[in-house]
Amino acid sequence: MMCPLPRILSLIGVVFTLVALTALPFAACGSSDDTEPETTVEEDVLDRLPEVPEPSEPAPPDTSPRGVFDDAQAMWRQEFEAAGVDYVPAELTIFSDQVDTACGTQSAGIGPFYCPADHGVYLDTTFFDALGRQAGVELGDVAQAYVVAHEVGHHVQTLVGTLQRKAEADEQDPAGKNERSVRFELQADCFAGIWKHSRYQRGQLTAHDLEEALRAAAVIGDDFQQARATGTIRPEDWTHGSSAQRQHWLTTGFEQGKPAACDTFGS
């Protein structure tokens, strides 16, 4: 199958419609075909990033996609500065129907995604309603926040060089591409959990909120998606991880609050 957008990193990695869920070939297009962005830092930067600090004073949460995006970026900027590393900001685009990016033109059907070529997070908010209807669950603001934080996590992976190293490994070892894709996506889940840790410290996240985020992580697991689409679960085709894996790494980030805890490639 030809990959129409080889450089897009989507949260789900499959095309959703309001009629039915499809299987997972689009996710296998992955992130290894185009030239990697030049903005990367040394390999050990994650070990140098500290545990996210407690805030000096509480602030009311902004649960809108823009508010979550800005808040997650502010946290990562602070992390990078603590490690003596410049943080290059991402850009958020909220769209409907289709959008033009440096990774090409993409329809809303793919769901939220990150384009490394322009450091862009792209979000179609109607995606959440469609996904919730298909999965038979309600996905509220907290679930949407998890998705946005996950995509910002892909931006962090780009800045620290994880994306580039993954692409190089995929070229040298194509047979291991799917497994690396899973580990890559799970790390973005863990990074989203770190942001939730930060919000919890500020009194802006409750136990119920975390449960909702974990429910969203289950819905977008590869096994859940495959079972709904085909009735058959094929782990060898996974590109984003099972429901249990995604919940585990989201929880790990939330509990640890430290980027070094998100070593999904070494676990």
C-alpha atoms as a PDB file:
ATOM      1  CA  MET A   1       0.000   0.000   0.000  1.00  0.00           C
ATOM      2  CA  MET A   2       1.383   3.405  -0.885  1.00  0.00           C
ATOM      3  CA  CYS A   3       1.783   5.835   1.976  1.00  0.00           C
ATOM      4  CA  PRO A   4      -0.010   9.083   1.044  1.00  0.00           C
ATOM      5  CA  LEU A   5       1.553  11.031   3.922  1.00  0.00           C
ATOM      6  CA  PRO A   6       4.693   9.221   5.081  1.00  0.00           C
ATOM      7  CA  ARG A   7       5.845  11.920   7.487  1.00  0.00           C
ATOM      8  CA  ILE A   8       2.685  12.439   9.511  1.00  0.00           C
ATOM      9  CA  LEU A   9       2.603  11.086  13.048  1.00  0.00           C
ATOM     10  CA  SER A  10      -1.035  10.610  13.953  1.00  0.00           C
ATOM     11  CA  LEU A  11      -2.354   9.610  17.332  1.00  0.00           C
ATOM     12  CA  ILE A  12      -4.541   6.860  15.994  1.00  0.00           C
ATOM     13  CA  GLY A  13      -2.786   6.081  12.726  1.00  0.00           C
ATOM     14  CA  VAL A  14      -5.990   4.912  11.014  1.00  0.00           C
ATOM     15  CA  VAL A  15      -8.665   6.652   8.995  1.00  0.00           C
ATOM     16  CA  PHE A  16     -11.949   7.008  10.877  1.00  0.00           C
ATOM     17  CA  THR A  17     -15.283   7.669   9.232  1.00  0.00           C
ATOM     18  CA  LEU A  18     -18.711   8.042  10.761  1.00  0.00           C
ATOM     19  CA  VAL A  19     -19.720   4.755   9.166  1.00  0.00           C
ATOM     20  CA  ALA A  20     -17.064   2.281  10.331  1.00  0.00           C
ATOM     21  CA  LEU A  21     -13.578   1.888  11.680  1.00  0.00           C
ATOM     22  CA  THR A  22     -10.968   0.632   9.271  1.00  0.00           C
ATOM     23  CA  ALA A  23      -7.910  -1.518   9.888  1.00  0.00           C
ATOM     24  CA  LEU A  24      -4.399  -0.188  10.546  1.00  0.00           C
ATOM     25  CA  PRO A  25      -2.315  -0.013   7.315  1.00  0.00           C
ATOM     26  CA  PHE A  26      -2.031   3.780   7.334  1.00  0.00           C
ATOM     27  CA  ALA A  27      -0.169   3.776  10.630  1.00  0.00           C
ATOM     28  CA  ALA A  28       2.467   1.544   9.072  1.00  0.00           C
ATOM     29  CA  CYS A  29       3.378   4.420   6.784  1.00  0.00           C
ATOM     30  CA  GLY A  30       5.162   5.694   9.846  1.00  0.00           C
ATOM     31  CA  SER A  31       7.796   8.345   9.988  1.00  0.00           C
ATOM     32  CA  SER A  32      10.847   7.252   8.066  1.00  0.00           C
ATOM     33  CA  ASP A  33      10.534   8.368   4.460  1.00  0.00           C
ATOM     34  CA  ASP A  34      11.188  12.113   4.386  1.00  0.00           C
ATOM     35  CA  THR A  35      14.148  14.159   5.482  1.00  0.00           C
ATOM     36  CA  GLU A  36      14.257  14.599   9.232  1.00  0.00           C
ATOM     37  CA  PRO A  37      13.975  18.113  10.675  1.00  0.00           C
ATOM     38  CA  GLU A  38      17.303  19.654  11.613  1.00  0.00           C
ATOM     39  CA  THR A  39      16.281  20.769  15.115  1.00  0.00           C
ATOM     40  CA  THR A  40      17.524  18.023  17.411  1.00  0.00           C
ATOM     41  CA  VAL A  41      19.696  17.877  20.503  1.00  0.00           C
ATOM     42  CA  GLU A  42      22.042  15.303  21.986  1.00  0.00           C
ATOM     43  CA  GLU A  43      20.801  11.815  22.738  1.00  0.00           C
ATOM     44  CA  ASP A  44      20.973  11.966  26.545  1.00  0.00           C
ATOM     45  CA  VAL A  45      18.763  15.031  26.922  1.00  0.00           C
ATOM     46  CA  LEU A  46      15.827  13.070  28.382  1.00  0.00           C
ATOM     47  CA  ASP A  47      18.024  11.942  31.278  1.00  0.00           C
ATOM     48  CA  ARG A  48      18.862  15.582  31.966  1.00  0.00           C
ATOM     49  CA  LEU A  49      15.268  16.809  32.121  1.00  0.00           C
ATOM     50  CA  PRO A  50      14.158  17.079  35.763  1.00  0.00           C
ATOM     51  CA  GLU A  51      10.921  16.033  37.384  1.00  0.00           C
ATOM     52  CA  VAL A  52       8.322  18.640  36.544  1.00  0.00           C
ATOM     53  CA  PRO A  53       8.290  21.211  39.371  1.00  0.00           C
ATOM     54  CA  GLU A  54       5.381  22.232  41.524  1.00  0.00           C
ATOM     55  CA  PRO A  55       3.942  25.591  40.496  1.00  0.00           C
ATOM     56  CA  SER A  56       4.491  28.698  42.579  1.00  0.00           C
ATOM     57  CA  GLU A  57       0.765  29.375  42.720  1.00  0.00           C
ATOM     58  CA  PRO A  58      -2.368  27.635  41.394  1.00  0.00           C
ATOM     59  CA  ALA A  59      -4.114  28.825  38.276  1.00  0.00           C
ATOM     60  CA  PRO A  60      -7.529  27.918  36.860  1.00  0.00           C
ATOM     61  CA  PRO A  61      -7.231  25.247  34.169  1.00  0.00           C
ATOM     62  CA  ASP A  62      -8.013  25.936  30.541  1.00  0.00           C
ATOM     63  CA  THR A  63      -9.372  22.699  29.091  1.00  0.00           C
ATOM     64  CA  SER A  64      -9.756  23.970  25.533  1.00  0.00           C
ATOM     65  CA  PRO A  65      -7.437  22.415  22.915  1.00  0.00           C
ATOM     66  CA  ARG A  66      -5.552  25.707  22.650  1.00  0.00           C
ATOM     67  CA  GLY A  67      -5.286  26.003  26.427  1.00  0.00           C
ATOM     68  CA  VAL A  68      -3.996  22.442  26.771  1.00  0.00           C
ATOM     69  CA  PHE A  69      -1.537  22.932  23.915  1.00  0.00           C
ATOM     70  CA  ASP A  70      -0.137  26.134  25.393  1.00  0.00           C
ATOM     71  CA  ASP A  71       0.064  24.639  28.875  1.00  0.00           C
ATOM     72  CA  ALA A  72       1.865  21.496  27.691  1.00  0.00           C
ATOM     73  CA  GLN A  73       4.325  23.591  25.709  1.00  0.00           C
ATOM     74  CA  ALA A  74       4.987  25.828  28.702  1.00  0.00           C
ATOM     75  CA  MET A  75       5.820  22.758  30.779  1.00  0.00           C
ATOM     76  CA  TRP A  76       8.204  21.330  28.178  1.00  0.00           C
ATOM     77  CA  ARG A  77       9.851  24.700  27.643  1.00  0.00           C
ATOM     78  CA  GLN A  78      10.556  24.841  31.367  1.00  0.00           C
ATOM     79  CA  GLU A  79      11.931  21.292  31.267  1.00  0.00           C
ATOM     80  CA  PHE A  80      14.280  22.097  28.385  1.00  0.00           C
ATOM     81  CA  GLU A  81      15.483  25.305  30.017  1.00  0.00           C
ATOM     82  CA  ALA A  82      16.283  23.389  33.221  1.00  0.00           C
ATOM     83  CA  ALA A  83      18.489  21.094  31.124  1.00  0.00           C
ATOM     84  CA  GLY A  84      20.148  24.021  29.339  1.00  0.00           C
ATOM     85  CA  VAL A  85      18.505  23.188  26.015  1.00  0.00           C
ATOM     86  CA  ASP A  86      16.591  25.553  23.734  1.00  0.00           C
ATOM     87  CA  TYR A  87      12.959  24.637  23.180  1.00  0.00           C
ATOM     88  CA  VAL A  88      11.676  25.263  19.664  1.00  0.00           C
ATOM     89  CA  PRO A  89       7.897  25.745  19.958  1.00  0.00           C
ATOM     90  CA  ALA A  90       5.362  23.773  17.981  1.00  0.00           C
ATOM     91  CA  GLU A  91       2.389  25.364  16.243  1.00  0.00           C
ATOM     92  CA  LEU A  92      -1.252  24.357  16.670  1.00  0.00           C
ATOM     93  CA  THR A  93      -3.717  24.359  13.800  1.00  0.00           C
ATOM     94  CA  ILE A  94      -7.395  23.540  14.373  1.00  0.00           C
ATOM     95  CA  PHE A  95      -9.112  22.606  11.137  1.00  0.00           C
ATOM     96  CA  SER A  96     -12.094  20.912   9.560  1.00  0.00           C
ATOM     97  CA  ASP A  97     -12.437  18.858   6.376  1.00  0.00           C
ATOM     98  CA  GLN A  98      -8.805  19.108   5.252  1.00  0.00           C
ATOM     99  CA  VAL A  99      -5.605  21.031   5.901  1.00  0.00           C
ATOM    100  CA  ASP A 100      -2.423  21.831   3.973  1.00  0.00           C
ATOM    101  CA  THR A 101       0.792  21.055   5.848  1.00  0.00           C
ATOM    102  CA  ALA A 102       4.493  20.674   5.097  1.00  0.00           C
ATOM    103  CA  CYS A 103       3.736  16.939   5.145  1.00  0.00           C
ATOM    104  CA  GLY A 104       1.114  17.366   2.422  1.00  0.00           C
ATOM    105  CA  THR A 105      -2.650  17.880   2.330  1.00  0.00           C
ATOM    106  CA  GLN A 106      -4.547  15.720   4.778  1.00  0.00           C
ATOM    107  CA  SER A 107      -8.231  15.151   5.411  1.00  0.00           C
ATOM    108  CA  ALA A 108      -9.813  15.266   8.838  1.00  0.00           C
ATOM    109  CA  GLY A 109     -10.387  11.510   8.704  1.00  0.00           C
ATOM    110  CA  ILE A 110      -6.911  10.729   9.973  1.00  0.00           C
ATOM    111  CA  GLY A 111      -7.597  12.316  13.340  1.00  0.00           C
ATOM    112  CA  PRO A 112      -5.172  14.528  15.270  1.00  0.00           C
ATOM    113  CA  PHE A 113      -1.599  14.371  13.980  1.00  0.00           C
ATOM    114  CA  TYR A 114       1.846  15.932  14.191  1.00  0.00           C
ATOM    115  CA  CYS A 115       3.912  16.973  11.175  1.00  0.00           C
ATOM    116  CA  PRO A 116       7.648  17.098  11.977  1.00  0.00           C
ATOM    117  CA  ALA A 117       8.462  19.062   8.837  1.00  0.00           C
ATOM    118  CA  ASP A 118       6.700  22.190  10.125  1.00  0.00           C
ATOM    119  CA  HIS A 119       6.591  21.348  13.862  1.00  0.00           C
ATOM    120  CA  GLY A 120       2.816  21.443  13.566  1.00  0.00           C
ATOM    121  CA  VAL A 121       0.123  19.830  15.694  1.00  0.00           C
ATOM    122  CA  TYR A 122      -3.081  19.531  13.685  1.00  0.00           C
ATOM    123  CA  LEU A 123      -6.411  18.931  15.336  1.00  0.00           C
ATOM    124  CA  ASP A 124      -9.926  18.420  14.033  1.00  0.00           C
ATOM    125  CA  THR A 125     -12.130  18.598  17.122  1.00  0.00           C
ATOM    126  CA  THR A 126     -15.031  16.727  15.465  1.00  0.00           C
ATOM    127  CA  PHE A 127     -12.798  13.663  15.555  1.00  0.00           C
ATOM    128  CA  PHE A 128     -13.522  13.108  19.232  1.00  0.00           C
ATOM    129  CA  ASP A 129     -17.283  12.958  18.754  1.00  0.00           C
ATOM    130  CA  ALA A 130     -16.897  10.490  15.888  1.00  0.00           C
ATOM    131  CA  LEU A 131     -14.499   8.296  17.829  1.00  0.00           C
ATOM    132  CA  GLY A 132     -16.718   8.334  20.906  1.00  0.00           C
ATOM    133  CA  ARG A 133     -19.777   7.302  18.901  1.00  0.00           C
ATOM    134  CA  GLN A 134     -17.894   4.456  17.237  1.00  0.00           C
ATOM    135  CA  ALA A 135     -16.445   3.214  20.519  1.00  0.00           C
ATOM    136  CA  GLY A 136     -19.702   3.631  22.433  1.00  0.00           C
ATOM    137  CA  VAL A 137     -18.158   5.884  25.081  1.00  0.00           C
ATOM    138  CA  GLU A 138     -18.212   9.591  25.782  1.00  0.00           C
ATOM    139  CA  LEU A 139     -14.843  11.287  25.379  1.00  0.00           C
ATOM    140  CA  GLY A 140     -14.834  14.632  27.134  1.00  0.00           C
ATOM    141  CA  ASP A 141     -12.342  17.436  27.663  1.00  0.00           C
ATOM    142  CA  VAL A 142      -9.880  15.294  29.613  1.00  0.00           C
ATOM    143  CA  ALA A 143      -9.675  12.718  26.822  1.00  0.00           C
ATOM    144  CA  GLN A 144      -9.141  15.488  24.289  1.00  0.00           C
ATOM    145  CA  ALA A 145      -6.418  16.952  26.492  1.00  0.00           C
ATOM    146  CA  TYR A 146      -4.642  13.577  26.516  1.00  0.00           C
ATOM    147  CA  VAL A 147      -4.706  13.520  22.720  1.00  0.00           C
ATOM    148  CA  VAL A 148      -3.290  17.041  22.430  1.00  0.00           C
ATOM    149  CA  ALA A 149      -0.567  16.308  25.000  1.00  0.00           C
ATOM    150  CA  HIS A 150       0.323  13.122  23.093  1.00  0.00           C
ATOM    151  CA  GLU A 151       0.853  15.099  19.893  1.00  0.00           C
ATOM    152  CA  VAL A 152       2.992  17.644  21.742  1.00  0.00           C
ATOM    153  CA  GLY A 153       4.920  14.602  22.955  1.00  0.00           C
ATOM    154  CA  HIS A 154       5.743  13.811  19.323  1.00  0.00           C
ATOM    155  CA  HIS A 155       7.164  17.307  19.029  1.00  0.00           C
ATOM    156  CA  VAL A 156       9.404  16.659  22.022  1.00  0.00           C
ATOM    157  CA  GLN A 157      10.563  13.414  20.390  1.00  0.00           C
ATOM    158  CA  THR A 158      11.485  15.409  17.296  1.00  0.00           C
ATOM    159  CA  LEU A 159      13.458  17.978  19.275  1.00  0.00           C
ATOM    160  CA  VAL A 160      15.459  15.426  21.271  1.00  0.00           C
ATOM    161  CA  GLY A 161      16.286  13.358  18.185  1.00  0.00           C
ATOM    162  CA  THR A 162      14.190  10.265  18.922  1.00  0.00           C
ATOM    163  CA  LEU A 163      12.301  10.590  15.653  1.00  0.00           C
ATOM    164  CA  GLN A 164      15.496  10.789  13.639  1.00  0.00           C
ATOM    165  CA  ARG A 165      17.067   7.798  15.377  1.00  0.00           C
ATOM    166  CA  LYS A 166      13.881   5.784  14.852  1.00  0.00           C
ATOM    167  CA  ALA A 167      13.871   6.636  11.143  1.00  0.00           C
ATOM    168  CA  GLU A 168      17.498   5.569  10.805  1.00  0.00           C
ATOM    169  CA  ALA A 169      16.790   2.288  12.592  1.00  0.00           C
ATOM    170  CA  ASP A 170      13.734   1.671  10.405  1.00  0.00           C
ATOM    171  CA  GLU A 171      15.887   2.080   7.299  1.00  0.00           C
ATOM    172  CA  GLN A 172      18.526  -0.324   8.596  1.00  0.00           C
ATOM    173  CA  ASP A 173      16.035  -2.852   9.984  1.00  0.00           C
ATOM    174  CA  PRO A 174      12.675  -2.635   8.157  1.00  0.00           C
ATOM    175  CA  ALA A 175      11.446  -5.823   9.846  1.00  0.00           C
ATOM    176  CA  GLY A 176      11.500  -4.102  13.234  1.00  0.00           C
ATOM    177  CA  LYS A 177       9.609  -1.017  12.076  1.00  0.00           C
ATOM    178  CA  ASN A 178       6.257  -1.910  13.630  1.00  0.00           C
ATOM    179  CA  GLU A 179       7.757  -2.697  17.027  1.00  0.00           C
ATOM    180  CA  ARG A 180       9.675   0.578  17.037  1.00  0.00           C
ATOM    181  CA  SER A 181       6.535   2.435  16.004  1.00  0.00           C
ATOM    182  CA  VAL A 182       4.730   0.982  19.024  1.00  0.00           C
ATOM    183  CA  ARG A 183       7.522   2.020  21.370  1.00  0.00           C
ATOM    184  CA  PHE A 184       7.590   5.464  19.789  1.00  0.00           C
ATOM    185  CA  GLU A 185       3.865   6.002  20.295  1.00  0.00           C
ATOM    186  CA  LEU A 186       3.964   4.650  23.834  1.00  0.00           C
ATOM    187  CA  GLN A 187       6.666   7.163  24.700  1.00  0.00           C
ATOM    188  CA  ALA A 188       4.390   9.973  23.479  1.00  0.00           C
ATOM    189  CA  ASP A 189       1.689   8.526  25.762  1.00  0.00           C
ATOM    190  CA  CYS A 190       4.142   8.620  28.665  1.00  0.00           C
ATOM    191  CA  PHE A 191       5.005  12.239  27.855  1.00  0.00           C
ATOM    192  CA  ALA A 192       1.278  13.025  27.929  1.00  0.00           C
ATOM    193  CA  GLY A 193       1.183  11.418  31.372  1.00  0.00           C
ATOM    194  CA  ILE A 194       3.974  13.720  32.525  1.00  0.00           C
ATOM    195  CA  TRP A 195       1.892  16.710  31.539  1.00  0.00           C
ATOM    196  CA  LYS A 196      -1.021  15.259  33.510  1.00  0.00           C
ATOM    197  CA  HIS A 197       1.330  14.877  36.472  1.00  0.00           C
ATOM    198  CA  SER A 198       2.058  18.586  36.185  1.00  0.00           C
ATOM    199  CA  ARG A 199      -1.629  19.438  36.162  1.00  0.00           C
ATOM    200  CA  TYR A 200      -2.298  17.167  39.124  1.00  0.00           C
ATOM    201  CA  GLN A 201       0.339  19.016  41.119  1.00  0.00           C
ATOM    202  CA  ARG A 202      -1.500  22.232  40.386  1.00  0.00           C
ATOM    203  CA  GLY A 203      -4.775  20.825  41.651  1.00  0.00           C
ATOM    204  CA  GLN A 204      -6.193  20.848  38.115  1.00  0.00           C
ATOM    205  CA  LEU A 205      -6.640  17.103  37.674  1.00  0.00           C
ATOM    206  CA  THR A 206      -8.744  14.670  39.705  1.00  0.00           C
ATOM    207  CA  ALA A 207      -8.758  10.888  39.984  1.00  0.00           C
ATOM    208  CA  HIS A 208     -11.904  10.886  37.839  1.00  0.00           C
ATOM    209  CA  ASP A 209     -10.081  12.896  35.183  1.00  0.00           C
ATOM    210  CA  LEU A 210      -7.294  10.329  35.064  1.00  0.00           C
ATOM    211  CA  GLU A 211      -9.846   7.543  34.697  1.00  0.00           C
ATOM    212  CA  GLU A 212     -11.309   9.329  31.686  1.00  0.00           C
ATOM    213  CA  ALA A 213      -7.867   9.674  30.116  1.00  0.00           C
ATOM    214  CA  LEU A 214      -7.200   5.976  30.704  1.00  0.00           C
ATOM    215  CA  ARG A 215     -10.529   5.128  29.103  1.00  0.00           C
ATOM    216  CA  ALA A 216      -9.495   7.130  26.027  1.00  0.00           C
ATOM    217  CA  ALA A 217      -6.158   5.296  25.966  1.00  0.00           C
ATOM    218  CA  ALA A 218      -8.040   1.999  25.923  1.00  0.00           C
ATOM    219  CA  VAL A 219     -10.280   3.094  23.061  1.00  0.00           C
ATOM    220  CA  ILE A 220      -7.335   3.967  20.838  1.00  0.00           C
ATOM    221  CA  GLY A 221      -5.369   0.790  21.578  1.00  0.00           C
ATOM    222  CA  ASP A 222      -4.524  -1.250  18.495  1.00  0.00           C
ATOM    223  CA  ASP A 223      -6.203  -4.380  19.860  1.00  0.00           C
ATOM    224  CA  PHE A 224      -9.424  -2.476  20.573  1.00  0.00           C
ATOM    225  CA  GLN A 225      -9.352  -0.928  17.110  1.00  0.00           C
ATOM    226  CA  GLN A 226      -8.666  -4.231  15.370  1.00  0.00           C
ATOM    227  CA  ALA A 227     -11.360  -6.065  17.278  1.00  0.00           C
ATOM    228  CA  ARG A 228     -13.951  -3.464  16.300  1.00  0.00           C
ATOM    229  CA  ALA A 229     -12.820  -3.275  12.694  1.00  0.00           C
ATOM    230  CA  THR A 230     -12.239  -6.936  11.843  1.00  0.00           C
ATOM    231  CA  GLY A 231     -13.022  -9.050  14.906  1.00  0.00           C
ATOM    232  CA  THR A 232      -9.429 -10.320  14.816  1.00  0.00           C
ATOM    233  CA  ILE A 233      -6.484  -9.149  16.899  1.00  0.00           C
ATOM    234  CA  ARG A 234      -3.082  -9.290  15.174  1.00  0.00           C
ATOM    235  CA  PRO A 235      -0.271  -8.009  17.442  1.00  0.00           C
ATOM    236  CA  GLU A 236       2.234  -8.233  14.590  1.00  0.00           C
ATOM    237  CA  ASP A 237       0.362  -5.412  12.856  1.00  0.00           C
ATOM    238  CA  TRP A 238       0.277  -3.063  15.827  1.00  0.00           C
ATOM    239  CA  THR A 239       1.879   0.343  15.369  1.00  0.00           C
ATOM    240  CA  HIS A 240       0.627   2.225  18.443  1.00  0.00           C
ATOM    241  CA  GLY A 241       0.315  -0.414  21.171  1.00  0.00           C
ATOM    242  CA  SER A 242      -2.457  -2.300  22.907  1.00  0.00           C
ATOM    243  CA  SER A 243      -4.972  -0.702  25.229  1.00  0.00           C
ATOM    244  CA  ALA A 244      -3.107  -2.109  28.231  1.00  0.00           C
ATOM    245  CA  GLN A 245       0.249  -0.809  26.963  1.00  0.00           C
ATOM    246  CA  ARG A 246      -1.089   2.671  26.321  1.00  0.00           C
ATOM    247  CA  GLN A 247      -2.720   2.804  29.733  1.00  0.00           C
ATOM    248  CA  HIS A 248       0.479   1.550  31.375  1.00  0.00           C
ATOM    249  CA  TRP A 249       2.706   4.224  29.866  1.00  0.00           C
ATOM    250  CA  LEU A 250       0.209   7.023  30.391  1.00  0.00           C
ATOM    251  CA  THR A 251       0.090   5.972  34.044  1.00  0.00           C
ATOM    252  CA  THR A 252       3.888   5.733  34.230  1.00  0.00           C
ATOM    253  CA  GLY A 253       4.279   9.316  33.064  1.00  0.00           C
ATOM    254  CA  PHE A 254       1.593  10.473  35.459  1.00  0.00           C
ATOM    255  CA  GLU A 255       3.080   8.702  38.473  1.00  0.00           C
ATOM    256  CA  GLN A 256       6.751   9.462  37.809  1.00  0.00           C
ATOM    257  CA  GLY A 257       6.561  12.967  36.341  1.00  0.00           C
ATOM    258  CA  LYS A 258      10.066  12.591  34.918  1.00  0.00           C
ATOM    259  CA  PRO A 259      10.965  12.212  31.202  1.00  0.00           C
ATOM    260  CA  ALA A 260      13.683   9.651  31.925  1.00  0.00           C
ATOM    261  CA  ALA A 261      10.927   7.298  33.172  1.00  0.00           C
ATOM    262  CA  CYS A 262       9.563   7.197  29.619  1.00  0.00           C
ATOM    263  CA  ASP A 263      12.270   4.940  28.181  1.00  0.00           C
ATOM    264  CA  THR A 264       9.904   2.746  26.207  1.00  0.00           C
ATOM    265  CA  PHE A 265      12.756   1.697  23.908  1.00  0.00           C
ATOM    266  CA  GLY A 266      14.844   0.288  26.742  1.00  0.00           C
ATOM    267  CA  SER A 267      12.088  -1.485  28.629  1.00  0.00           C
END
